[in-house]
Amino acid sequence: MNDLDKAFSEVSRRVEVLRKMSYNSHQHLCVRVGGCAGELGIAPELVIKVLKLFERWGIVRLTTWRFDAFREVDYREWCSDDFFYNPHDSCYVRLSLA
């Protein structure tokens, strides 16, 4: 299995966890790109690439907290790789079903 396949498999696994938690539509999982990549032994850019794909395909919604906005913002509002390393939210990205 190549590194991109590892990232795809891990994000898919997390989406399945969300689907099983779907009794509450406000459920989300917090993901740190660096931590996830480290666990898989792959580059963080690959995890970001797969998360962006799932978001673009309408499978997940990606959000993070911005203190300067006083609210959660989604990836479409803050379309930058800085989104995935947001210090205002301890570098967490909130993953929820779209």
PDB file of N, CA and C in Angstrom:
ATOM      1  N   MET A   1       0.856  -1.171   0.000  1.00  0.00           N
ATOM      2  CA  MET A   1       0.000   0.000   0.000  1.00  0.00           C
ATOM      3  C   MET A   1       0.903   1.235   0.000  1.00  0.00           C
ATOM      4  N   ASN A   2       0.672   2.124  -0.956  1.00  0.00           N
ATOM      5  CA  ASN A   2       1.485   3.339  -0.994  1.00  0.00           C
ATOM      6  C   ASN A   2       0.965   4.369   0.016  1.00  0.00           C
ATOM      7  N   ASP A   3       1.713   5.454   0.176  1.00  0.00           N
ATOM      8  CA  ASP A   3       1.387   6.441   1.207  1.00  0.00           C
ATOM      9  C   ASP A   3       0.040   7.129   0.968  1.00  0.00           C
ATOM     10  N   LEU A   4      -0.284   7.423  -0.279  1.00  0.00           N
ATOM     11  CA  LEU A   4      -1.565   8.053  -0.570  1.00  0.00           C
ATOM     12  C   LEU A   4      -2.712   7.100  -0.228  1.00  0.00           C
ATOM     13  N   ASP A   5      -2.536   5.824  -0.518  1.00  0.00           N
ATOM     14  CA  ASP A   5      -3.546   4.829  -0.149  1.00  0.00           C
ATOM     15  C   ASP A   5      -3.725   4.746   1.365  1.00  0.00           C
ATOM     16  N   LYS A   6      -2.627   4.873   2.111  1.00  0.00           N
ATOM     17  CA  LYS A   6      -2.708   4.862   3.574  1.00  0.00           C
ATOM     18  C   LYS A   6      -3.549   6.042   4.067  1.00  0.00           C
ATOM     19  N   ALA A   7      -3.296   7.218   3.509  1.00  0.00           N
ATOM     20  CA  ALA A   7      -4.049   8.410   3.899  1.00  0.00           C
ATOM     21  C   ALA A   7      -5.517   8.246   3.550  1.00  0.00           C
ATOM     22  N   PHE A   8      -5.795   7.758   2.358  1.00  0.00           N
ATOM     23  CA  PHE A   8      -7.175   7.559   1.913  1.00  0.00           C
ATOM     24  C   PHE A   8      -7.894   6.560   2.823  1.00  0.00           C
ATOM     25  N   SER A   9      -7.219   5.479   3.158  1.00  0.00           N
ATOM     26  CA  SER A   9      -7.799   4.455   4.013  1.00  0.00           C
ATOM     27  C   SER A   9      -8.100   5.013   5.407  1.00  0.00           C
ATOM     28  N   GLU A  10      -7.199   5.825   5.956  1.00  0.00           N
ATOM     29  CA  GLU A  10      -7.402   6.384   7.292  1.00  0.00           C
ATOM     30  C   GLU A  10      -8.558   7.384   7.314  1.00  0.00           C
ATOM     31  N   VAL A  11      -8.631   8.252   6.322  1.00  0.00           N
ATOM     32  CA  VAL A  11      -9.737   9.214   6.280  1.00  0.00           C
ATOM     33  C   VAL A  11     -11.056   8.462   6.069  1.00  0.00           C
ATOM     34  N   SER A  12     -11.051   7.457   5.230  1.00  0.00           N
ATOM     35  CA  SER A  12     -12.247   6.637   5.019  1.00  0.00           C
ATOM     36  C   SER A  12     -12.690   5.973   6.319  1.00  0.00           C
ATOM     37  N   ARG A  13     -11.742   5.485   7.092  1.00  0.00           N
ATOM     38  CA  ARG A  13     -12.055   4.851   8.375  1.00  0.00           C
ATOM     39  C   ARG A  13     -12.722   5.855   9.317  1.00  0.00           C
ATOM     40  N   ARG A  14     -12.207   7.069   9.332  1.00  0.00           N
ATOM     41  CA  ARG A  14     -12.784   8.094  10.214  1.00  0.00           C
ATOM     42  C   ARG A  14     -14.186   8.497   9.756  1.00  0.00           C
ATOM     43  N   VAL A  15     -14.407   8.517   8.461  1.00  0.00           N
ATOM     44  CA  VAL A  15     -15.749   8.809   7.945  1.00  0.00           C
ATOM     45  C   VAL A  15     -16.715   7.714   8.376  1.00  0.00           C
ATOM     46  N   GLU A  16     -16.286   6.471   8.349  1.00  0.00           N
ATOM     47  CA  GLU A  16     -17.140   5.367   8.792  1.00  0.00           C
ATOM     48  C   GLU A  16     -17.471   5.496  10.279  1.00  0.00           C
ATOM     49  N   VAL A  17     -16.513   5.926  11.072  1.00  0.00           N
ATOM     50  CA  VAL A  17     -16.774   6.168  12.494  1.00  0.00           C
ATOM     51  C   VAL A  17     -17.847   7.239  12.639  1.00  0.00           C
ATOM     52  N   LEU A  18     -17.733   8.304  11.858  1.00  0.00           N
ATOM     53  CA  LEU A  18     -18.746   9.368  11.892  1.00  0.00           C
ATOM     54  C   LEU A  18     -20.119   8.848  11.494  1.00  0.00           C
ATOM     55  N   ARG A  19     -20.166   8.011  10.481  1.00  0.00           N
ATOM     56  CA  ARG A  19     -21.456   7.453  10.048  1.00  0.00           C
ATOM     57  C   ARG A  19     -22.098   6.635  11.153  1.00  0.00           C
ATOM     58  N   LYS A  20     -21.293   5.909  11.910  1.00  0.00           N
ATOM     59  CA  LYS A  20     -21.826   5.113  13.017  1.00  0.00           C
ATOM     60  C   LYS A  20     -22.286   6.000  14.166  1.00  0.00           C
ATOM     61  N   MET A  21     -21.723   7.204  14.256  1.00  0.00           N
ATOM     62  CA  MET A  21     -22.107   8.147  15.305  1.00  0.00           C
ATOM     63  C   MET A  21     -23.248   9.047  14.840  1.00  0.00           C
ATOM     64  N   SER A  22     -23.801   8.808  13.681  1.00  0.00           N
ATOM     65  CA  SER A  22     -24.714   9.747  13.027  1.00  0.00           C
ATOM     66  C   SER A  22     -26.049   9.943  13.725  1.00  0.00           C
ATOM     67  N   TYR A  23     -26.259   9.319  14.875  1.00  0.00           N
ATOM     68  CA  TYR A  23     -27.502   9.555  15.607  1.00  0.00           C
ATOM     69  C   TYR A  23     -27.649  11.025  15.985  1.00  0.00           C
ATOM     70  N   ASN A  24     -26.543  11.739  16.020  1.00  0.00           N
ATOM     71  CA  ASN A  24     -26.571  13.170  16.315  1.00  0.00           C
ATOM     72  C   ASN A  24     -25.868  13.895  15.186  1.00  0.00           C
ATOM     73  N   SER A  25     -26.573  14.692  14.443  1.00  0.00           N
ATOM     74  CA  SER A  25     -26.006  15.341  13.262  1.00  0.00           C
ATOM     75  C   SER A  25     -24.903  16.335  13.588  1.00  0.00           C
ATOM     76  N   HIS A  26     -24.745  16.673  14.869  1.00  0.00           N
ATOM     77  CA  HIS A  26     -23.710  17.637  15.247  1.00  0.00           C
ATOM     78  C   HIS A  26     -22.417  16.960  15.687  1.00  0.00           C
ATOM     79  N   GLN A  27     -22.306  15.666  15.502  1.00  0.00           N
ATOM     80  CA  GLN A  27     -21.106  14.942  15.886  1.00  0.00           C
ATOM     81  C   GLN A  27     -19.948  15.298  14.957  1.00  0.00           C
ATOM     82  N   HIS A  28     -18.754  15.330  15.516  1.00  0.00           N
ATOM     83  CA  HIS A  28     -17.559  15.546  14.706  1.00  0.00           C
ATOM     84  C   HIS A  28     -16.385  14.816  15.342  1.00  0.00           C
ATOM     85  N   LEU A  29     -15.368  14.604  14.562  1.00  0.00           N
ATOM     86  CA  LEU A  29     -14.112  14.053  15.052  1.00  0.00           C
ATOM     87  C   LEU A  29     -13.052  15.127  14.890  1.00  0.00           C
ATOM     88  N   CYS A  30     -12.183  15.252  15.874  1.00  0.00           N
ATOM     89  CA  CYS A  30     -11.067  16.191  15.771  1.00  0.00           C
ATOM     90  C   CYS A  30      -9.849  15.439  15.251  1.00  0.00           C
ATOM     91  N   VAL A  31      -9.209  16.017  14.254  1.00  0.00           N
ATOM     92  CA  VAL A  31      -8.060  15.394  13.612  1.00  0.00           C
ATOM     93  C   VAL A  31      -6.910  16.402  13.592  1.00  0.00           C
ATOM     94  N   ARG A  32      -5.742  15.966  14.007  1.00  0.00           N
ATOM     95  CA  ARG A  32      -4.522  16.748  13.825  1.00  0.00           C
ATOM     96  C   ARG A  32      -3.774  16.118  12.664  1.00  0.00           C
ATOM     97  N   VAL A  33      -3.590  16.877  11.620  1.00  0.00           N
ATOM     98  CA  VAL A  33      -2.961  16.354  10.410  1.00  0.00           C
ATOM     99  C   VAL A  33      -1.578  15.783  10.719  1.00  0.00           C
ATOM    100  N   GLY A  34      -0.790  16.518  11.493  1.00  0.00           N
ATOM    101  CA  GLY A  34       0.557  16.053  11.825  1.00  0.00           C
ATOM    102  C   GLY A  34       0.545  14.762  12.618  1.00  0.00           C
ATOM    103  N   GLY A  35      -0.379  14.652  13.574  1.00  0.00           N
ATOM    104  CA  GLY A  35      -0.477  13.434  14.373  1.00  0.00           C
ATOM    105  C   GLY A  35      -0.929  12.242  13.558  1.00  0.00           C
ATOM    106  N   CYS A  36      -1.898  12.459  12.710  1.00  0.00           N
ATOM    107  CA  CYS A  36      -2.406  11.394  11.845  1.00  0.00           C
ATOM    108  C   CYS A  36      -1.300  10.905  10.903  1.00  0.00           C
ATOM    109  N   ALA A  37      -0.605  11.856  10.289  1.00  0.00           N
ATOM    110  CA  ALA A  37       0.482  11.504   9.370  1.00  0.00           C
ATOM    111  C   ALA A  37       1.594  10.763  10.102  1.00  0.00           C
ATOM    112  N   GLY A  38       1.902  11.209  11.314  1.00  0.00           N
ATOM    113  CA  GLY A  38       2.937  10.543  12.098  1.00  0.00           C
ATOM    114  C   GLY A  38       2.576   9.109  12.436  1.00  0.00           C
ATOM    115  N   GLU A  39       1.325   8.874  12.795  1.00  0.00           N
ATOM    116  CA  GLU A  39       0.864   7.518  13.108  1.00  0.00           C
ATOM    117  C   GLU A  39       0.972   6.610  11.890  1.00  0.00           C
ATOM    118  N   LEU A  40       0.719   7.186  10.709  1.00  0.00           N
ATOM    119  CA  LEU A  40       0.753   6.397   9.477  1.00  0.00           C
ATOM    120  C   LEU A  40       2.155   6.320   8.869  1.00  0.00           C
ATOM    121  N   GLY A  41       3.059   7.170   9.332  1.00  0.00           N
ATOM    122  CA  GLY A  41       4.415   7.209   8.785  1.00  0.00           C
ATOM    123  C   GLY A  41       4.458   7.806   7.386  1.00  0.00           C
ATOM    124  N   ILE A  42       3.606   8.819   7.144  1.00  0.00           N
ATOM    125  CA  ILE A  42       3.543   9.446   5.824  1.00  0.00           C
ATOM    126  C   ILE A  42       3.651  10.965   5.968  1.00  0.00           C
ATOM    127  N   ALA A  43       3.780  11.649   4.853  1.00  0.00           N
ATOM    128  CA  ALA A  43       3.871  13.107   4.848  1.00  0.00           C
ATOM    129  C   ALA A  43       2.505  13.722   5.160  1.00  0.00           C
ATOM    130  N   PRO A  44       2.469  14.771   5.977  1.00  0.00           N
ATOM    131  CA  PRO A  44       1.198  15.434   6.299  1.00  0.00           C
ATOM    132  C   PRO A  44       0.456  15.946   5.061  1.00  0.00           C
ATOM    133  N   GLU A  45       1.194  16.315   4.035  1.00  0.00           N
ATOM    134  CA  GLU A  45       0.576  16.829   2.812  1.00  0.00           C
ATOM    135  C   GLU A  45      -0.370  15.828   2.185  1.00  0.00           C
ATOM    136  N   LEU A  46      -0.089  14.543   2.355  1.00  0.00           N
ATOM    137  CA  LEU A  46      -0.965  13.510   1.792  1.00  0.00           C
ATOM    138  C   LEU A  46      -2.286  13.432   2.549  1.00  0.00           C
ATOM    139  N   VAL A  47      -2.235  13.594   3.860  1.00  0.00           N
ATOM    140  CA  VAL A  47      -3.461  13.603   4.655  1.00  0.00           C
ATOM    141  C   VAL A  47      -4.300  14.824   4.267  1.00  0.00           C
ATOM    142  N   ILE A  48      -3.637  15.968   4.116  1.00  0.00           N
ATOM    143  CA  ILE A  48      -4.341  17.186   3.701  1.00  0.00           C
ATOM    144  C   ILE A  48      -4.987  16.988   2.339  1.00  0.00           C
ATOM    145  N   LYS A  49      -4.253  16.399   1.412  1.00  0.00           N
ATOM    146  CA  LYS A  49      -4.775  16.164   0.067  1.00  0.00           C
ATOM    147  C   LYS A  49      -6.051  15.323   0.108  1.00  0.00           C
ATOM    148  N   VAL A  50      -6.056  14.268   0.906  1.00  0.00           N
ATOM    149  CA  VAL A  50      -7.217  13.385   0.989  1.00  0.00           C
ATOM    150  C   VAL A  50      -8.380  14.085   1.691  1.00  0.00           C
ATOM    151  N   LEU A  51      -8.097  14.833   2.751  1.00  0.00           N
ATOM    152  CA  LEU A  51      -9.165  15.577   3.420  1.00  0.00           C
ATOM    153  C   LEU A  51      -9.817  16.567   2.465  1.00  0.00           C
ATOM    154  N   LYS A  52      -9.005  17.245   1.662  1.00  0.00           N
ATOM    155  CA  LYS A  52      -9.541  18.189   0.669  1.00  0.00           C
ATOM    156  C   LYS A  52     -10.406  17.467  -0.361  1.00  0.00           C
ATOM    157  N   LEU A  53      -9.976  16.294  -0.788  1.00  0.00           N
ATOM    158  CA  LEU A  53     -10.769  15.515  -1.743  1.00  0.00           C
ATOM    159  C   LEU A  53     -12.125  15.142  -1.168  1.00  0.00           C
ATOM    160  N   PHE A  54     -12.138  14.637   0.049  1.00  0.00           N
ATOM    161  CA  PHE A  54     -13.399  14.245   0.689  1.00  0.00           C
ATOM    162  C   PHE A  54     -14.309  15.457   0.861  1.00  0.00           C
ATOM    163  N   GLU A  55     -13.724  16.604   1.164  1.00  0.00           N
ATOM    164  CA  GLU A  55     -14.513  17.826   1.299  1.00  0.00           C
ATOM    165  C   GLU A  55     -15.071  18.245  -0.060  1.00  0.00           C
ATOM    166  N   ARG A  56     -14.252  18.208  -1.083  1.00  0.00           N
ATOM    167  CA  ARG A  56     -14.683  18.591  -2.434  1.00  0.00           C
ATOM    168  C   ARG A  56     -15.758  17.655  -2.961  1.00  0.00           C
ATOM    169  N   TRP A  57     -15.678  16.378  -2.621  1.00  0.00           N
ATOM    170  CA  TRP A  57     -16.669  15.404  -3.068  1.00  0.00           C
ATOM    171  C   TRP A  57     -17.969  15.506  -2.279  1.00  0.00           C
ATOM    172  N   GLY A  58     -18.007  16.357  -1.262  1.00  0.00           N
ATOM    173  CA  GLY A  58     -19.221  16.535  -0.478  1.00  0.00           C
ATOM    174  C   GLY A  58     -19.470  15.442   0.547  1.00  0.00           C
ATOM    175  N   ILE A  59     -18.438  14.741   0.941  1.00  0.00           N
ATOM    176  CA  ILE A  59     -18.577  13.667   1.920  1.00  0.00           C
ATOM    177  C   ILE A  59     -18.444  14.209   3.339  1.00  0.00           C
ATOM    178  N   VAL A  60     -17.500  15.118   3.532  1.00  0.00           N
ATOM    179  CA  VAL A  60     -17.261  15.680   4.855  1.00  0.00           C
ATOM    180  C   VAL A  60     -17.263  17.203   4.796  1.00  0.00           C
ATOM    181  N   ARG A  61     -17.401  17.769   5.966  1.00  0.00           N
ATOM    182  CA  ARG A  61     -17.261  19.209   6.149  1.00  0.00           C
ATOM    183  C   ARG A  61     -16.087  19.404   7.084  1.00  0.00           C
ATOM    184  N   LEU A  62     -15.175  20.281   6.742  1.00  0.00           N
ATOM    185  CA  LEU A  62     -13.998  20.554   7.552  1.00  0.00           C
ATOM    186  C   LEU A  62     -14.157  21.923   8.195  1.00  0.00           C
ATOM    187  N   THR A  63     -14.000  21.992   9.513  1.00  0.00           N
ATOM    188  CA  THR A  63     -14.094  23.265  10.215  1.00  0.00           C
ATOM    189  C   THR A  63     -12.976  23.373  11.240  1.00  0.00           C
ATOM    190  N   THR A  64     -12.717  24.585  11.667  1.00  0.00           N
ATOM    191  CA  THR A  64     -11.772  24.867  12.741  1.00  0.00           C
ATOM    192  C   THR A  64     -12.204  26.153  13.424  1.00  0.00           C
ATOM    193  N   TRP A  65     -11.774  26.340  14.661  1.00  0.00           N
ATOM    194  CA  TRP A  65     -12.157  27.526  15.423  1.00  0.00           C
ATOM    195  C   TRP A  65     -11.173  28.662  15.137  1.00  0.00           C
ATOM    196  N   ARG A  66     -11.720  29.856  14.909  1.00  0.00           N
ATOM    197  CA  ARG A  66     -10.894  31.059  14.724  1.00  0.00           C
ATOM    198  C   ARG A  66     -11.282  32.067  15.794  1.00  0.00           C
ATOM    199  N   PHE A  67     -10.322  32.383  16.667  1.00  0.00           N
ATOM    200  CA  PHE A  67     -10.589  33.380  17.702  1.00  0.00           C
ATOM    201  C   PHE A  67     -10.849  34.752  17.110  1.00  0.00           C
ATOM    202  N   ASP A  68     -10.150  35.075  16.022  1.00  0.00           N
ATOM    203  CA  ASP A  68     -10.333  36.402  15.424  1.00  0.00           C
ATOM    204  C   ASP A  68     -11.710  36.550  14.776  1.00  0.00           C
ATOM    205  N   ALA A  69     -12.348  35.434  14.432  1.00  0.00           N
ATOM    206  CA  ALA A  69     -13.703  35.472  13.871  1.00  0.00           C
ATOM    207  C   ALA A  69     -14.753  35.154  14.942  1.00  0.00           C
ATOM    208  N   PHE A  70     -14.312  34.679  16.108  1.00  0.00           N
ATOM    209  CA  PHE A  70     -15.193  34.290  17.217  1.00  0.00           C
ATOM    210  C   PHE A  70     -16.193  33.212  16.819  1.00  0.00           C
ATOM    211  N   ARG A  71     -15.751  32.282  15.958  1.00  0.00           N
ATOM    212  CA  ARG A  71     -16.642  31.207  15.527  1.00  0.00           C
ATOM    213  C   ARG A  71     -15.849  30.141  14.780  1.00  0.00           C
ATOM    214  N   GLU A  72     -16.549  29.036  14.500  1.00  0.00           N
ATOM    215  CA  GLU A  72     -15.973  28.025  13.621  1.00  0.00           C
ATOM    216  C   GLU A  72     -16.034  28.528  12.187  1.00  0.00           C
ATOM    217  N   VAL A  73     -14.999  28.251  11.436  1.00  0.00           N
ATOM    218  CA  VAL A  73     -15.003  28.568  10.011  1.00  0.00           C
ATOM    219  C   VAL A  73     -14.761  27.272   9.255  1.00  0.00           C
ATOM    220  N   ASP A  74     -15.321  27.173   8.072  1.00  0.00           N
ATOM    221  CA  ASP A  74     -15.085  25.958   7.302  1.00  0.00           C
ATOM    222  C   ASP A  74     -13.995  26.192   6.264  1.00  0.00           C
ATOM    223  N   TYR A  75     -13.570  25.084   5.673  1.00  0.00           N
ATOM    224  CA  TYR A  75     -12.442  25.141   4.744  1.00  0.00           C
ATOM    225  C   TYR A  75     -12.742  26.025   3.537  1.00  0.00           C
ATOM    226  N   ARG A  76     -13.967  26.084   3.108  1.00  0.00           N
ATOM    227  CA  ARG A  76     -14.316  26.908   1.938  1.00  0.00           C
ATOM    228  C   ARG A  76     -14.134  28.392   2.228  1.00  0.00           C
ATOM    229  N   GLU A  77     -14.270  28.785   3.490  1.00  0.00           N
ATOM    230  CA  GLU A  77     -14.051  30.180   3.877  1.00  0.00           C
ATOM    231  C   GLU A  77     -12.561  30.504   3.976  1.00  0.00           C
ATOM    232  N   TRP A  78     -11.791  29.552   4.459  1.00  0.00           N
ATOM    233  CA  TRP A  78     -10.368  29.758   4.724  1.00  0.00           C
ATOM    234  C   TRP A  78      -9.584  28.734   3.910  1.00  0.00           C
ATOM    235  N   CYS A  79      -9.633  28.894   2.629  1.00  0.00           N
ATOM    236  CA  CYS A  79      -9.089  27.925   1.680  1.00  0.00           C
ATOM    237  C   CYS A  79      -7.566  28.073   1.578  1.00  0.00           C
ATOM    238  N   SER A  80      -6.882  27.535   2.573  1.00  0.00           N
ATOM    239  CA  SER A  80      -5.423  27.628   2.641  1.00  0.00           C
ATOM    240  C   SER A  80      -4.913  26.459   3.459  1.00  0.00           C
ATOM    241  N   ASP A  81      -3.688  26.048   3.220  1.00  0.00           N
ATOM    242  CA  ASP A  81      -3.128  24.969   4.021  1.00  0.00           C
ATOM    243  C   ASP A  81      -2.920  25.406   5.469  1.00  0.00           C
ATOM    244  N   ASP A  82      -2.888  26.720   5.742  1.00  0.00           N
ATOM    245  CA  ASP A  82      -2.820  27.198   7.122  1.00  0.00           C
ATOM    246  C   ASP A  82      -4.025  26.723   7.923  1.00  0.00           C
ATOM    247  N   PHE A  83      -5.130  26.487   7.263  1.00  0.00           N
ATOM    248  CA  PHE A  83      -6.348  25.976   7.902  1.00  0.00           C
ATOM    249  C   PHE A  83      -6.039  24.728   8.721  1.00  0.00           C
ATOM    250  N   PHE A  84      -5.176  23.869   8.205  1.00  0.00           N
ATOM    251  CA  PHE A  84      -4.883  22.587   8.834  1.00  0.00           C
ATOM    252  C   PHE A  84      -3.887  22.695   9.988  1.00  0.00           C
ATOM    253  N   TYR A  85      -3.304  23.869  10.174  1.00  0.00           N
ATOM    254  CA  TYR A  85      -2.330  24.100  11.245  1.00  0.00           C
ATOM    255  C   TYR A  85      -2.721  25.331  12.063  1.00  0.00           C
ATOM    256  N   ASN A  86      -3.994  25.482  12.321  1.00  0.00           N
ATOM    257  CA  ASN A  86      -4.543  26.639  13.011  1.00  0.00           C
ATOM    258  C   ASN A  86      -4.203  26.605  14.505  1.00  0.00           C
ATOM    259  N   PRO A  87      -3.341  27.504  14.982  1.00  0.00           N
ATOM    260  CA  PRO A  87      -2.989  27.493  16.399  1.00  0.00           C
ATOM    261  C   PRO A  87      -4.158  27.890  17.308  1.00  0.00           C
ATOM    262  N   HIS A  88      -5.172  28.565  16.780  1.00  0.00           N
ATOM    263  CA  HIS A  88      -6.331  28.950  17.586  1.00  0.00           C
ATOM    264  C   HIS A  88      -7.122  27.724  18.031  1.00  0.00           C
ATOM    265  N   ASP A  89      -6.984  26.613  17.322  1.00  0.00           N
ATOM    266  CA  ASP A  89      -7.714  25.384  17.645  1.00  0.00           C
ATOM    267  C   ASP A  89      -6.756  24.226  17.892  1.00  0.00           C
ATOM    268  N   SER A  90      -5.566  24.547  18.399  1.00  0.00           N
ATOM    269  CA  SER A  90      -4.544  23.539  18.714  1.00  0.00           C
ATOM    270  C   SER A  90      -4.231  22.639  17.520  1.00  0.00           C
ATOM    271  N   CYS A  91      -4.305  23.195  16.333  1.00  0.00           N
ATOM    272  CA  CYS A  91      -4.027  22.483  15.070  1.00  0.00           C
ATOM    273  C   CYS A  91      -5.038  21.370  14.781  1.00  0.00           C
ATOM    274  N   TYR A  92      -6.203  21.447  15.414  1.00  0.00           N
ATOM    275  CA  TYR A  92      -7.266  20.470  15.134  1.00  0.00           C
ATOM    276  C   TYR A  92      -8.110  20.909  13.946  1.00  0.00           C
ATOM    277  N   VAL A  93      -8.533  19.938  13.180  1.00  0.00           N
ATOM    278  CA  VAL A  93      -9.543  20.143  12.138  1.00  0.00           C
ATOM    279  C   VAL A  93     -10.729  19.286  12.560  1.00  0.00           C
ATOM    280  N   ARG A  94     -11.900  19.879  12.562  1.00  0.00           N
ATOM    281  CA  ARG A  94     -13.112  19.143  12.934  1.00  0.00           C
ATOM    282  C   ARG A  94     -13.719  18.543  11.680  1.00  0.00           C
ATOM    283  N   LEU A  95     -13.877  17.268  11.711  1.00  0.00           N
ATOM    284  CA  LEU A  95     -14.376  16.507  10.572  1.00  0.00           C
ATOM    285  C   LEU A  95     -15.797  16.063  10.902  1.00  0.00           C
ATOM    286  N   SER A  96     -16.753  16.472  10.072  1.00  0.00           N
ATOM    287  CA  SER A  96     -18.144  16.052  10.256  1.00  0.00           C
ATOM    288  C   SER A  96     -18.722  15.659   8.897  1.00  0.00           C
ATOM    289  N   LEU A  97     -19.810  14.906   8.934  1.00  0.00           N
ATOM    290  CA  LEU A  97     -20.448  14.502   7.685  1.00  0.00           C
ATOM    291  C   LEU A  97     -21.090  15.710   7.026  1.00  0.00           C
ATOM    292  N   ALA A  98     -20.990  15.787   5.712  1.00  0.00           N
ATOM    293  CA  ALA A  98     -21.575  16.915   4.971  1.00  0.00           C
ATOM    294  C   ALA A  98     -23.073  16.751   4.853  1.00  0.00           C
TER     295      ALA A  98
END
